[in-house]
Amino acid sequence: MLRICLLFLFLLFLDGCDGNAGDSDETFKQHSAFNQDNLAYDSEAPNSNTTIVLKEIPKEVGDYTKLYNAYLQRQIKGKEGSIKEAKIIDKTFVKLRDTYKYDDNVMQILKSFSCILPDCSALKIKDVYFYPNMQIQEAFYTIIMDKKTEIFTYFDIIKDYDYVLKDMLTTSIDLQAQYNKVTPFQTLKFTWNNTQSLEITLTPKEEICKPYIYTYRTIFIQDSNGVKVKPQEERLSAFSYPNDLVEFVAKSCACARFHGYIPNLTQAERKVARNILPLDQKFCDNLSEERKTLWDKYMHDSRAIKILQHEQKLYP
């Protein structure tokens, strides 16, 4: 009987401890939430145990985040912010990144922000962007940190492969095979010339139903004062030979658009388009027979066969 009583008291004691622990957890959560604006979270995992260290955010960083968020809130409400104010906020953003570049906690916070005006870290002279007192790699990562940029037309693709720069080696990436998102590009190439220049090139995949496609290049040039960056784009015309293949592809594209397998051309594309036929079911007639005839005719022409392969992929 005595043992049963002791066991009962012991269980009551444990239940009381659990209740107190729950109260303590809730108090900690409330305290953390109350101080959220002034604390940074630093997670470490020694020996598989996670330790959370709370560090105070510098006041100037907190002030910046408030200014930035207030500016965005006004924009959301339809109120135009002044260019002067945007420049002041961006200048603070750039200054803080330099001041706290060795503070991982602050940098982690700043990574969630971006320039308000494009390429706020650069000095722009006509169509050239200049990054004083930097090396090429540093200038590249500065653009990535700015986020809002006119230098990289397809920022998200290039950002996902920023690790390639670490070894400073010429590298070509097959985006159709390796990129996990739908993209109009075939390859992304980083070409180094010693350490003095870097060319980043996005080459489009074959688009037989488009009137033209673009290759995008960004060239970084190192000099004694810093890095000059110049974005370029080259418009490539659609294939124009041989005539019977061009006519067949034009009909097949019109058929594919009619059935909704591919999107319609934009207004800008229609203005410069050649050999573009209107949407009509009649262009779907006899495609199979014509396709077979062209395959037989051009079986030794690798360029023509490649186009015919792409044409077949228009249809599910």
C-alpha atoms as a PDB file:
ATOM      1  CA  MET A   1       0.000   0.000   0.000  1.00  0.00           C
ATOM      2  CA  LEU A   2       2.863   2.344   0.912  1.00  0.00           C
ATOM      3  CA  ARG A   3       4.507   1.678  -2.471  1.00  0.00           C
ATOM      4  CA  ILE A   4       1.292   2.551  -4.318  1.00  0.00           C
ATOM      5  CA  CYS A   5       1.009   5.881  -2.440  1.00  0.00           C
ATOM      6  CA  LEU A   6       4.613   6.776  -3.200  1.00  0.00           C
ATOM      7  CA  LEU A   7       4.123   5.960  -6.872  1.00  0.00           C
ATOM      8  CA  PHE A   8       0.992   8.146  -6.996  1.00  0.00           C
ATOM      9  CA  LEU A   9       2.852  11.105  -5.438  1.00  0.00           C
ATOM     10  CA  PHE A  10       5.735  10.655  -7.875  1.00  0.00           C
ATOM     11  CA  LEU A  11       3.374  10.801 -10.876  1.00  0.00           C
ATOM     12  CA  LEU A  12       1.764  13.979  -9.525  1.00  0.00           C
ATOM     13  CA  PHE A  13       5.234  15.522  -9.212  1.00  0.00           C
ATOM     14  CA  LEU A  14       6.076  14.717 -12.852  1.00  0.00           C
ATOM     15  CA  ASP A  15       2.799  16.185 -14.078  1.00  0.00           C
ATOM     16  CA  GLY A  16       3.519  19.425 -12.205  1.00  0.00           C
ATOM     17  CA  CYS A  17       6.964  19.663 -13.770  1.00  0.00           C
ATOM     18  CA  ASP A  18       5.535  19.190 -17.287  1.00  0.00           C
ATOM     19  CA  GLY A  19       2.988  21.936 -16.665  1.00  0.00           C
ATOM     20  CA  ASN A  20       5.680  24.372 -15.552  1.00  0.00           C
ATOM     21  CA  ALA A  21       7.786  23.492 -18.588  1.00  0.00           C
ATOM     22  CA  GLY A  22       4.852  24.317 -20.872  1.00  0.00           C
ATOM     23  CA  ASP A  23       4.390  27.696 -19.158  1.00  0.00           C
ATOM     24  CA  SER A  24       8.099  28.412 -19.594  1.00  0.00           C
ATOM     25  CA  ASP A  25       7.944  27.547 -23.299  1.00  0.00           C
ATOM     26  CA  GLU A  26       5.005  29.900 -23.813  1.00  0.00           C
ATOM     27  CA  THR A  27       6.790  32.703 -21.955  1.00  0.00           C
ATOM     28  CA  PHE A  28       9.879  32.171 -24.138  1.00  0.00           C
ATOM     29  CA  LYS A  29       7.784  32.320 -27.302  1.00  0.00           C
ATOM     30  CA  GLN A  30       6.114  35.551 -26.190  1.00  0.00           C
ATOM     31  CA  HIS A  31       9.461  37.094 -25.279  1.00  0.00           C
ATOM     32  CA  SER A  32      10.943  36.065 -28.628  1.00  0.00           C
ATOM     33  CA  ALA A  33       7.964  37.456 -30.528  1.00  0.00           C
ATOM     34  CA  PHE A  34       8.120  40.717 -28.565  1.00  0.00           C
ATOM     35  CA  ASN A  35      11.796  41.173 -29.406  1.00  0.00           C
ATOM     36  CA  GLN A  36      11.604  39.856 -32.956  1.00  0.00           C
ATOM     37  CA  ASP A  37      12.435  43.239 -34.461  1.00  0.00           C
ATOM     38  CA  ASN A  38      15.654  43.458 -32.464  1.00  0.00           C
ATOM     39  CA  LEU A  39      16.991  39.903 -32.543  1.00  0.00           C
ATOM     40  CA  ALA A  40      18.741  37.774 -35.140  1.00  0.00           C
ATOM     41  CA  TYR A  41      18.633  33.989 -35.016  1.00  0.00           C
ATOM     42  CA  ASP A  42      21.845  32.009 -35.392  1.00  0.00           C
ATOM     43  CA  SER A  43      21.473  28.232 -35.757  1.00  0.00           C
ATOM     44  CA  GLU A  44      24.328  25.828 -35.162  1.00  0.00           C
ATOM     45  CA  ALA A  45      24.290  22.029 -35.125  1.00  0.00           C
ATOM     46  CA  PRO A  46      27.248  20.568 -33.183  1.00  0.00           C
ATOM     47  CA  ASN A  47      26.946  16.792 -32.655  1.00  0.00           C
ATOM     48  CA  SER A  48      23.465  16.806 -34.235  1.00  0.00           C
ATOM     49  CA  ASN A  49      22.091  19.018 -31.425  1.00  0.00           C
ATOM     50  CA  THR A  50      20.596  22.323 -32.601  1.00  0.00           C
ATOM     51  CA  THR A  51      21.457  25.427 -30.597  1.00  0.00           C
ATOM     52  CA  ILE A  52      19.630  28.705 -31.201  1.00  0.00           C
ATOM     53  CA  VAL A  53      21.585  31.819 -30.312  1.00  0.00           C
ATOM     54  CA  LEU A  54      19.758  35.152 -30.216  1.00  0.00           C
ATOM     55  CA  LYS A  55      21.854  38.179 -31.162  1.00  0.00           C
ATOM     56  CA  GLU A  56      20.852  41.799 -31.115  1.00  0.00           C
ATOM     57  CA  ILE A  57      20.502  43.432 -34.518  1.00  0.00           C
ATOM     58  CA  PRO A  58      22.473  46.682 -34.919  1.00  0.00           C
ATOM     59  CA  LYS A  59      20.191  49.707 -34.699  1.00  0.00           C
ATOM     60  CA  GLU A  60      21.156  51.025 -38.130  1.00  0.00           C
ATOM     61  CA  VAL A  61      20.141  47.698 -39.690  1.00  0.00           C
ATOM     62  CA  GLY A  62      16.787  47.803 -37.917  1.00  0.00           C
ATOM     63  CA  ASP A  63      16.275  51.409 -39.033  1.00  0.00           C
ATOM     64  CA  TYR A  64      17.012  50.423 -42.637  1.00  0.00           C
ATOM     65  CA  THR A  65      14.512  47.545 -42.631  1.00  0.00           C
ATOM     66  CA  LYS A  66      11.802  49.876 -41.312  1.00  0.00           C
ATOM     67  CA  LEU A  67      12.508  52.481 -44.002  1.00  0.00           C
ATOM     68  CA  TYR A  68      12.532  49.838 -46.733  1.00  0.00           C
ATOM     69  CA  ASN A  69       9.290  48.206 -45.596  1.00  0.00           C
ATOM     70  CA  ALA A  70       7.541  51.558 -45.171  1.00  0.00           C
ATOM     71  CA  TYR A  71       8.529  52.526 -48.724  1.00  0.00           C
ATOM     72  CA  LEU A  72       7.167  49.256 -50.123  1.00  0.00           C
ATOM     73  CA  GLN A  73       3.945  49.560 -48.137  1.00  0.00           C
ATOM     74  CA  ARG A  74       3.311  52.980 -49.663  1.00  0.00           C
ATOM     75  CA  GLN A  75       3.876  51.523 -53.123  1.00  0.00           C
ATOM     76  CA  ILE A  76       1.445  48.689 -52.420  1.00  0.00           C
ATOM     77  CA  LYS A  77      -1.165  51.287 -51.463  1.00  0.00           C
ATOM     78  CA  GLY A  78      -0.609  53.032 -54.791  1.00  0.00           C
ATOM     79  CA  LYS A  79       1.437  55.937 -53.461  1.00  0.00           C
ATOM     80  CA  GLU A  80       4.441  56.850 -55.556  1.00  0.00           C
ATOM     81  CA  GLY A  81       7.701  56.990 -53.633  1.00  0.00           C
ATOM     82  CA  SER A  82      10.215  59.622 -54.660  1.00  0.00           C
ATOM     83  CA  ILE A  83      13.351  58.665 -56.588  1.00  0.00           C
ATOM     84  CA  LYS A  84      15.371  60.662 -54.068  1.00  0.00           C
ATOM     85  CA  GLU A  85      14.012  58.601 -51.172  1.00  0.00           C
ATOM     86  CA  ALA A  86      14.654  55.347 -53.053  1.00  0.00           C
ATOM     87  CA  LYS A  87      18.259  56.391 -53.703  1.00  0.00           C
ATOM     88  CA  ILE A  88      18.800  57.157 -50.002  1.00  0.00           C
ATOM     89  CA  ILE A  89      17.403  53.761 -48.955  1.00  0.00           C
ATOM     90  CA  ASP A  90      19.478  51.960 -51.613  1.00  0.00           C
ATOM     91  CA  LYS A  91      22.622  53.839 -50.571  1.00  0.00           C
ATOM     92  CA  THR A  92      22.043  52.667 -46.996  1.00  0.00           C
ATOM     93  CA  PHE A  93      21.538  49.086 -48.245  1.00  0.00           C
ATOM     94  CA  VAL A  94      24.886  49.130 -50.061  1.00  0.00           C
ATOM     95  CA  LYS A  95      26.693  50.746 -47.098  1.00  0.00           C
ATOM     96  CA  LEU A  96      25.339  48.175 -44.606  1.00  0.00           C
ATOM     97  CA  ARG A  97      26.421  45.282 -46.823  1.00  0.00           C
ATOM     98  CA  ASP A  98      29.953  46.650 -46.832  1.00  0.00           C
ATOM     99  CA  THR A  99      29.992  47.452 -43.099  1.00  0.00           C
ATOM    100  CA  TYR A 100      28.698  44.034 -42.017  1.00  0.00           C
ATOM    101  CA  LYS A 101      30.116  41.821 -44.779  1.00  0.00           C
ATOM    102  CA  TYR A 102      31.871  39.666 -42.151  1.00  0.00           C
ATOM    103  CA  ASP A 103      28.813  39.409 -39.886  1.00  0.00           C
ATOM    104  CA  ASP A 104      26.880  36.324 -41.028  1.00  0.00           C
ATOM    105  CA  ASN A 105      23.811  37.180 -38.943  1.00  0.00           C
ATOM    106  CA  VAL A 106      23.378  40.664 -40.381  1.00  0.00           C
ATOM    107  CA  MET A 107      24.168  39.497 -43.915  1.00  0.00           C
ATOM    108  CA  GLN A 108      21.503  36.816 -43.595  1.00  0.00           C
ATOM    109  CA  ILE A 109      18.977  39.558 -42.807  1.00  0.00           C
ATOM    110  CA  LEU A 110      20.156  41.798 -45.655  1.00  0.00           C
ATOM    111  CA  LYS A 111      19.867  38.910 -48.142  1.00  0.00           C
ATOM    112  CA  SER A 112      16.094  39.130 -47.807  1.00  0.00           C
ATOM    113  CA  PHE A 113      16.139  42.713 -49.139  1.00  0.00           C
ATOM    114  CA  SER A 114      17.012  44.135 -52.550  1.00  0.00           C
ATOM    115  CA  CYS A 115      17.698  47.348 -54.398  1.00  0.00           C
ATOM    116  CA  ILE A 116      14.644  49.520 -54.978  1.00  0.00           C
ATOM    117  CA  LEU A 117      16.190  51.004 -58.114  1.00  0.00           C
ATOM    118  CA  PRO A 118      18.003  48.603 -60.478  1.00  0.00           C
ATOM    119  CA  ASP A 119      21.705  47.900 -59.873  1.00  0.00           C
ATOM    120  CA  CYS A 120      22.031  50.276 -56.943  1.00  0.00           C
ATOM    121  CA  SER A 121      25.617  49.121 -56.256  1.00  0.00           C
ATOM    122  CA  ALA A 122      26.912  50.171 -59.674  1.00  0.00           C
ATOM    123  CA  LEU A 123      27.962  53.419 -61.274  1.00  0.00           C
ATOM    124  CA  LYS A 124      26.230  53.476 -64.661  1.00  0.00           C
ATOM    125  CA  ILE A 125      27.831  55.297 -67.584  1.00  0.00           C
ATOM    126  CA  LYS A 126      25.656  54.942 -70.712  1.00  0.00           C
ATOM    127  CA  ASP A 127      25.324  51.171 -71.188  1.00  0.00           C
ATOM    128  CA  VAL A 128      28.283  50.178 -68.977  1.00  0.00           C
ATOM    129  CA  TYR A 129      28.074  49.388 -65.250  1.00  0.00           C
ATOM    130  CA  PHE A 130      31.168  50.069 -63.149  1.00  0.00           C
ATOM    131  CA  TYR A 131      32.063  48.484 -59.799  1.00  0.00           C
ATOM    132  CA  PRO A 132      35.031  50.396 -58.308  1.00  0.00           C
ATOM    133  CA  ASN A 133      37.754  48.619 -56.333  1.00  0.00           C
ATOM    134  CA  MET A 134      36.331  45.151 -56.987  1.00  0.00           C
ATOM    135  CA  GLN A 135      37.429  41.898 -58.601  1.00  0.00           C
ATOM    136  CA  ILE A 136      35.199  40.123 -61.137  1.00  0.00           C
ATOM    137  CA  GLN A 137      33.864  37.552 -58.688  1.00  0.00           C
ATOM    138  CA  GLU A 138      33.039  40.261 -56.156  1.00  0.00           C
ATOM    139  CA  ALA A 139      31.221  42.320 -58.798  1.00  0.00           C
ATOM    140  CA  PHE A 140      29.214  39.246 -59.847  1.00  0.00           C
ATOM    141  CA  TYR A 141      28.096  38.462 -56.292  1.00  0.00           C
ATOM    142  CA  THR A 142      27.278  42.148 -55.764  1.00  0.00           C
ATOM    143  CA  ILE A 143      24.822  41.968 -58.668  1.00  0.00           C
ATOM    144  CA  ILE A 144      23.299  38.827 -57.159  1.00  0.00           C
ATOM    145  CA  MET A 145      22.940  40.623 -53.810  1.00  0.00           C
ATOM    146  CA  ASP A 146      21.310  43.640 -55.500  1.00  0.00           C
ATOM    147  CA  LYS A 147      18.650  41.264 -56.925  1.00  0.00           C
ATOM    148  CA  LYS A 148      16.897  43.996 -58.873  1.00  0.00           C
ATOM    149  CA  THR A 149      19.091  44.255 -61.945  1.00  0.00           C
ATOM    150  CA  GLU A 150      19.055  45.132 -65.629  1.00  0.00           C
ATOM    151  CA  ILE A 151      22.411  43.440 -66.189  1.00  0.00           C
ATOM    152  CA  PHE A 152      21.114  39.858 -66.148  1.00  0.00           C
ATOM    153  CA  THR A 153      17.927  39.624 -68.202  1.00  0.00           C
ATOM    154  CA  TYR A 154      17.314  36.122 -66.839  1.00  0.00           C
ATOM    155  CA  PHE A 155      18.558  36.728 -63.304  1.00  0.00           C
ATOM    156  CA  ASP A 156      17.074  33.583 -61.702  1.00  0.00           C
ATOM    157  CA  ILE A 157      18.844  31.188 -64.077  1.00  0.00           C
ATOM    158  CA  ILE A 158      22.274  32.765 -63.597  1.00  0.00           C
ATOM    159  CA  LYS A 159      21.775  33.100 -59.837  1.00  0.00           C
ATOM    160  CA  ASP A 160      21.137  29.368 -59.519  1.00  0.00           C
ATOM    161  CA  TYR A 161      24.601  28.633 -60.955  1.00  0.00           C
ATOM    162  CA  ASP A 162      26.622  31.254 -59.067  1.00  0.00           C
ATOM    163  CA  TYR A 163      28.749  28.496 -57.484  1.00  0.00           C
ATOM    164  CA  VAL A 164      30.432  27.957 -60.871  1.00  0.00           C
ATOM    165  CA  LEU A 165      32.448  31.164 -60.399  1.00  0.00           C
ATOM    166  CA  LYS A 166      34.391  29.936 -57.379  1.00  0.00           C
ATOM    167  CA  ASP A 167      36.919  27.928 -59.415  1.00  0.00           C
ATOM    168  CA  MET A 168      37.194  30.534 -62.204  1.00  0.00           C
ATOM    169  CA  LEU A 169      37.031  27.802 -64.857  1.00  0.00           C
ATOM    170  CA  THR A 170      35.284  27.944 -68.220  1.00  0.00           C
ATOM    171  CA  THR A 171      32.096  25.920 -67.749  1.00  0.00           C
ATOM    172  CA  SER A 172      29.163  25.075 -70.028  1.00  0.00           C
ATOM    173  CA  ILE A 173      25.834  23.896 -68.597  1.00  0.00           C
ATOM    174  CA  ASP A 174      23.120  22.137 -70.611  1.00  0.00           C
ATOM    175  CA  LEU A 175      20.015  23.784 -69.173  1.00  0.00           C
ATOM    176  CA  GLN A 176      17.595  21.450 -70.936  1.00  0.00           C
ATOM    177  CA  ALA A 177      19.235  18.500 -69.185  1.00  0.00           C
ATOM    178  CA  GLN A 178      20.201  20.008 -65.815  1.00  0.00           C
ATOM    179  CA  TYR A 179      17.892  22.939 -65.015  1.00  0.00           C
ATOM    180  CA  ASN A 180      14.806  21.950 -63.033  1.00  0.00           C
ATOM    181  CA  LYS A 181      12.539  24.659 -64.489  1.00  0.00           C
ATOM    182  CA  VAL A 182      11.111  25.339 -67.941  1.00  0.00           C
ATOM    183  CA  THR A 183      13.476  27.657 -69.810  1.00  0.00           C
ATOM    184  CA  PRO A 184      13.795  28.914 -73.406  1.00  0.00           C
ATOM    185  CA  PHE A 185      17.572  28.440 -73.256  1.00  0.00           C
ATOM    186  CA  GLN A 186      19.758  25.519 -74.237  1.00  0.00           C
ATOM    187  CA  THR A 187      23.069  26.406 -72.592  1.00  0.00           C
ATOM    188  CA  LEU A 188      24.578  28.701 -69.977  1.00  0.00           C
ATOM    189  CA  LYS A 189      28.298  29.235 -70.413  1.00  0.00           C
ATOM    190  CA  PHE A 190      30.871  30.953 -68.182  1.00  0.00           C
ATOM    191  CA  THR A 191      33.987  31.769 -70.242  1.00  0.00           C
ATOM    192  CA  TRP A 192      37.101  33.059 -68.462  1.00  0.00           C
ATOM    193  CA  ASN A 193      40.072  34.766 -70.129  1.00  0.00           C
ATOM    194  CA  ASN A 194      42.698  34.356 -67.414  1.00  0.00           C
ATOM    195  CA  THR A 195      41.364  36.490 -64.562  1.00  0.00           C
ATOM    196  CA  GLN A 196      40.906  39.647 -66.618  1.00  0.00           C
ATOM    197  CA  SER A 197      37.542  38.976 -68.239  1.00  0.00           C
ATOM    198  CA  LEU A 198      34.461  36.807 -67.896  1.00  0.00           C
ATOM    199  CA  GLU A 199      31.701  36.295 -70.455  1.00  0.00           C
ATOM    200  CA  ILE A 200      28.384  34.780 -69.370  1.00  0.00           C
ATOM    201  CA  THR A 201      26.307  33.567 -72.323  1.00  0.00           C
ATOM    202  CA  LEU A 202      22.734  32.292 -72.458  1.00  0.00           C
ATOM    203  CA  THR A 203      22.134  30.502 -75.762  1.00  0.00           C
ATOM    204  CA  PRO A 204      18.510  29.809 -76.731  1.00  0.00           C
ATOM    205  CA  LYS A 205      17.177  26.412 -77.671  1.00  0.00           C
ATOM    206  CA  GLU A 206      15.777  25.932 -81.157  1.00  0.00           C
ATOM    207  CA  GLU A 207      12.396  27.667 -81.472  1.00  0.00           C
ATOM    208  CA  ILE A 208      11.166  26.811 -84.961  1.00  0.00           C
ATOM    209  CA  CYS A 209       7.801  28.560 -84.500  1.00  0.00           C
ATOM    210  CA  LYS A 210       9.286  31.877 -83.360  1.00  0.00           C
ATOM    211  CA  PRO A 211      10.281  34.583 -85.867  1.00  0.00           C
ATOM    212  CA  TYR A 212      13.477  35.220 -83.910  1.00  0.00           C
ATOM    213  CA  ILE A 213      15.311  34.241 -80.724  1.00  0.00           C
ATOM    214  CA  TYR A 214      17.926  35.982 -78.567  1.00  0.00           C
ATOM    215  CA  THR A 215      21.373  35.145 -77.278  1.00  0.00           C
ATOM    216  CA  TYR A 216      22.218  37.113 -74.112  1.00  0.00           C
ATOM    217  CA  ARG A 217      25.779  37.951 -73.087  1.00  0.00           C
ATOM    218  CA  THR A 218      27.186  39.727 -70.050  1.00  0.00           C
ATOM    219  CA  ILE A 219      30.847  40.726 -70.253  1.00  0.00           C
ATOM    220  CA  PHE A 220      32.960  41.520 -67.165  1.00  0.00           C
ATOM    221  CA  ILE A 221      36.292  43.292 -67.739  1.00  0.00           C
ATOM    222  CA  GLN A 222      38.820  43.816 -64.963  1.00  0.00           C
ATOM    223  CA  ASP A 223      41.062  46.881 -64.855  1.00  0.00           C
ATOM    224  CA  SER A 224      43.174  48.563 -62.191  1.00  0.00           C
ATOM    225  CA  ASN A 225      40.234  50.631 -60.928  1.00  0.00           C
ATOM    226  CA  GLY A 226      37.575  47.950 -60.730  1.00  0.00           C
ATOM    227  CA  VAL A 227      35.225  45.976 -62.981  1.00  0.00           C
ATOM    228  CA  LYS A 228      33.273  47.136 -66.022  1.00  0.00           C
ATOM    229  CA  VAL A 229      30.167  45.138 -66.895  1.00  0.00           C
ATOM    230  CA  LYS A 230      28.320  45.354 -70.197  1.00  0.00           C
ATOM    231  CA  PRO A 231      25.174  43.363 -71.060  1.00  0.00           C
ATOM    232  CA  GLN A 232      24.541  42.532 -74.719  1.00  0.00           C
ATOM    233  CA  GLU A 233      21.819  40.798 -76.680  1.00  0.00           C
ATOM    234  CA  GLU A 234      21.958  39.366 -80.187  1.00  0.00           C
ATOM    235  CA  ARG A 235      18.807  38.663 -82.158  1.00  0.00           C
ATOM    236  CA  LEU A 236      18.972  35.485 -84.205  1.00  0.00           C
ATOM    237  CA  SER A 237      16.607  34.994 -87.120  1.00  0.00           C
ATOM    238  CA  ALA A 238      14.651  31.789 -87.528  1.00  0.00           C
ATOM    239  CA  PHE A 239      15.961  29.311 -90.087  1.00  0.00           C
ATOM    240  CA  SER A 240      15.178  30.211 -93.711  1.00  0.00           C
ATOM    241  CA  TYR A 241      16.214  27.167 -95.747  1.00  0.00           C
ATOM    242  CA  PRO A 242      15.289  25.044 -97.615  1.00  0.00           C
ATOM    243  CA  ASN A 243      11.995  26.446 -98.893  1.00  0.00           C
ATOM    244  CA  ASP A 244       9.933  23.258 -98.716  1.00  0.00           C
ATOM    245  CA  LEU A 245      11.014  22.685 -95.108  1.00  0.00           C
ATOM    246  CA  VAL A 246      10.245  26.311 -94.171  1.00  0.00           C
ATOM    247  CA  GLU A 247       6.753  26.051 -95.675  1.00  0.00           C
ATOM    248  CA  PHE A 248       6.065  22.739 -93.938  1.00  0.00           C
ATOM    249  CA  VAL A 249       7.154  24.076 -90.534  1.00  0.00           C
ATOM    250  CA  ALA A 250       5.006  27.204 -91.012  1.00  0.00           C
ATOM    251  CA  LYS A 251       1.925  24.999 -91.581  1.00  0.00           C
ATOM    252  CA  SER A 252       2.773  22.734 -88.660  1.00  0.00           C
ATOM    253  CA  CYS A 253       3.221  25.715 -86.315  1.00  0.00           C
ATOM    254  CA  ALA A 254      -0.139  27.151 -87.426  1.00  0.00           C
ATOM    255  CA  CYS A 255      -1.760  23.773 -86.730  1.00  0.00           C
ATOM    256  CA  ALA A 256      -0.106  23.502 -83.301  1.00  0.00           C
ATOM    257  CA  ARG A 257      -1.276  27.015 -82.382  1.00  0.00           C
ATOM    258  CA  PHE A 258      -4.791  26.238 -83.601  1.00  0.00           C
ATOM    259  CA  HIS A 259      -4.990  23.288 -81.200  1.00  0.00           C
ATOM    260  CA  GLY A 260      -3.368  25.239 -78.342  1.00  0.00           C
ATOM    261  CA  TYR A 261      -0.223  23.095 -78.175  1.00  0.00           C
ATOM    262  CA  ILE A 262       1.989  26.188 -78.358  1.00  0.00           C
ATOM    263  CA  PRO A 263       1.227  29.837 -77.423  1.00  0.00           C
ATOM    264  CA  ASN A 264       0.265  32.458 -79.988  1.00  0.00           C
ATOM    265  CA  LEU A 265       2.849  35.006 -81.066  1.00  0.00           C
ATOM    266  CA  THR A 266       3.043  38.283 -79.204  1.00  0.00           C
ATOM    267  CA  GLN A 267       2.131  41.502 -80.978  1.00  0.00           C
ATOM    268  CA  ALA A 268       5.811  42.453 -81.241  1.00  0.00           C
ATOM    269  CA  GLU A 269       6.660  39.071 -82.760  1.00  0.00           C
ATOM    270  CA  ARG A 270       3.857  39.319 -85.323  1.00  0.00           C
ATOM    271  CA  LYS A 271       5.206  42.661 -86.556  1.00  0.00           C
ATOM    272  CA  VAL A 272       8.507  41.124 -87.675  1.00  0.00           C
ATOM    273  CA  ALA A 273       7.327  37.595 -88.423  1.00  0.00           C
ATOM    274  CA  ARG A 274       7.726  35.985 -91.824  1.00  0.00           C
ATOM    275  CA  ASN A 275       6.077  32.802 -93.088  1.00  0.00           C
ATOM    276  CA  ILE A 276       3.538  32.985 -90.261  1.00  0.00           C
ATOM    277  CA  LEU A 277       0.152  31.544 -91.197  1.00  0.00           C
ATOM    278  CA  PRO A 278      -3.185  32.289 -89.493  1.00  0.00           C
ATOM    279  CA  LEU A 279      -4.774  29.783 -87.133  1.00  0.00           C
ATOM    280  CA  ASP A 280      -6.737  27.346 -89.270  1.00  0.00           C
ATOM    281  CA  GLN A 281      -7.567  23.649 -89.115  1.00  0.00           C
ATOM    282  CA  LYS A 282      -6.797  23.296 -92.837  1.00  0.00           C
ATOM    283  CA  PHE A 283      -3.062  23.579 -92.130  1.00  0.00           C
ATOM    284  CA  CYS A 284      -3.264  20.310 -90.190  1.00  0.00           C
ATOM    285  CA  ASP A 285      -4.209  18.368 -93.326  1.00  0.00           C
ATOM    286  CA  ASN A 286      -1.623  15.983 -94.769  1.00  0.00           C
ATOM    287  CA  LEU A 287       1.090  16.920 -92.247  1.00  0.00           C
ATOM    288  CA  SER A 288       1.995  13.269 -91.615  1.00  0.00           C
ATOM    289  CA  GLU A 289       2.572  12.549 -95.315  1.00  0.00           C
ATOM    290  CA  GLU A 290       4.582  15.739 -95.857  1.00  0.00           C
ATOM    291  CA  ARG A 291       6.657  15.034 -92.752  1.00  0.00           C
ATOM    292  CA  LYS A 292       7.581  11.553 -93.998  1.00  0.00           C
ATOM    293  CA  THR A 293       8.524  12.913 -97.425  1.00  0.00           C
ATOM    294  CA  LEU A 294      10.843  15.507 -95.867  1.00  0.00           C
ATOM    295  CA  TRP A 295      12.436  12.954 -93.527  1.00  0.00           C
ATOM    296  CA  ASP A 296      13.264  10.775 -96.535  1.00  0.00           C
ATOM    297  CA  LYS A 297      14.547  13.727 -98.556  1.00  0.00           C
ATOM    298  CA  TYR A 298      16.787  15.239 -95.843  1.00  0.00           C
ATOM    299  CA  MET A 299      17.896  12.143 -93.951  1.00  0.00           C
ATOM    300  CA  HIS A 300      21.554  13.059 -94.579  1.00  0.00           C
ATOM    301  CA  ASP A 301      21.162  16.738 -93.633  1.00  0.00           C
ATOM    302  CA  SER A 302      21.677  16.914 -89.853  1.00  0.00           C
ATOM    303  CA  ARG A 303      20.420  20.507 -89.630  1.00  0.00           C
ATOM    304  CA  ALA A 304      17.162  19.681 -91.452  1.00  0.00           C
ATOM    305  CA  ILE A 305      16.637  16.497 -89.439  1.00  0.00           C
ATOM    306  CA  LYS A 306      17.114  18.435 -86.197  1.00  0.00           C
ATOM    307  CA  ILE A 307      14.384  20.871 -87.282  1.00  0.00           C
ATOM    308  CA  LEU A 308      12.051  18.000 -88.161  1.00  0.00           C
ATOM    309  CA  GLN A 309      12.693  16.433 -84.758  1.00  0.00           C
ATOM    310  CA  HIS A 310      11.698  19.688 -83.065  1.00  0.00           C
ATOM    311  CA  GLU A 311       8.612  19.928 -85.278  1.00  0.00           C
ATOM    312  CA  GLN A 312       7.406  16.526 -84.108  1.00  0.00           C
ATOM    313  CA  LYS A 313       7.771  17.628 -80.480  1.00  0.00           C
ATOM    314  CA  LEU A 314       5.154  20.342 -81.029  1.00  0.00           C
ATOM    315  CA  TYR A 315       2.470  17.712 -80.588  1.00  0.00           C
ATOM    316  CA  PRO A 316       1.683  15.719 -77.429  1.00  0.00           C
END
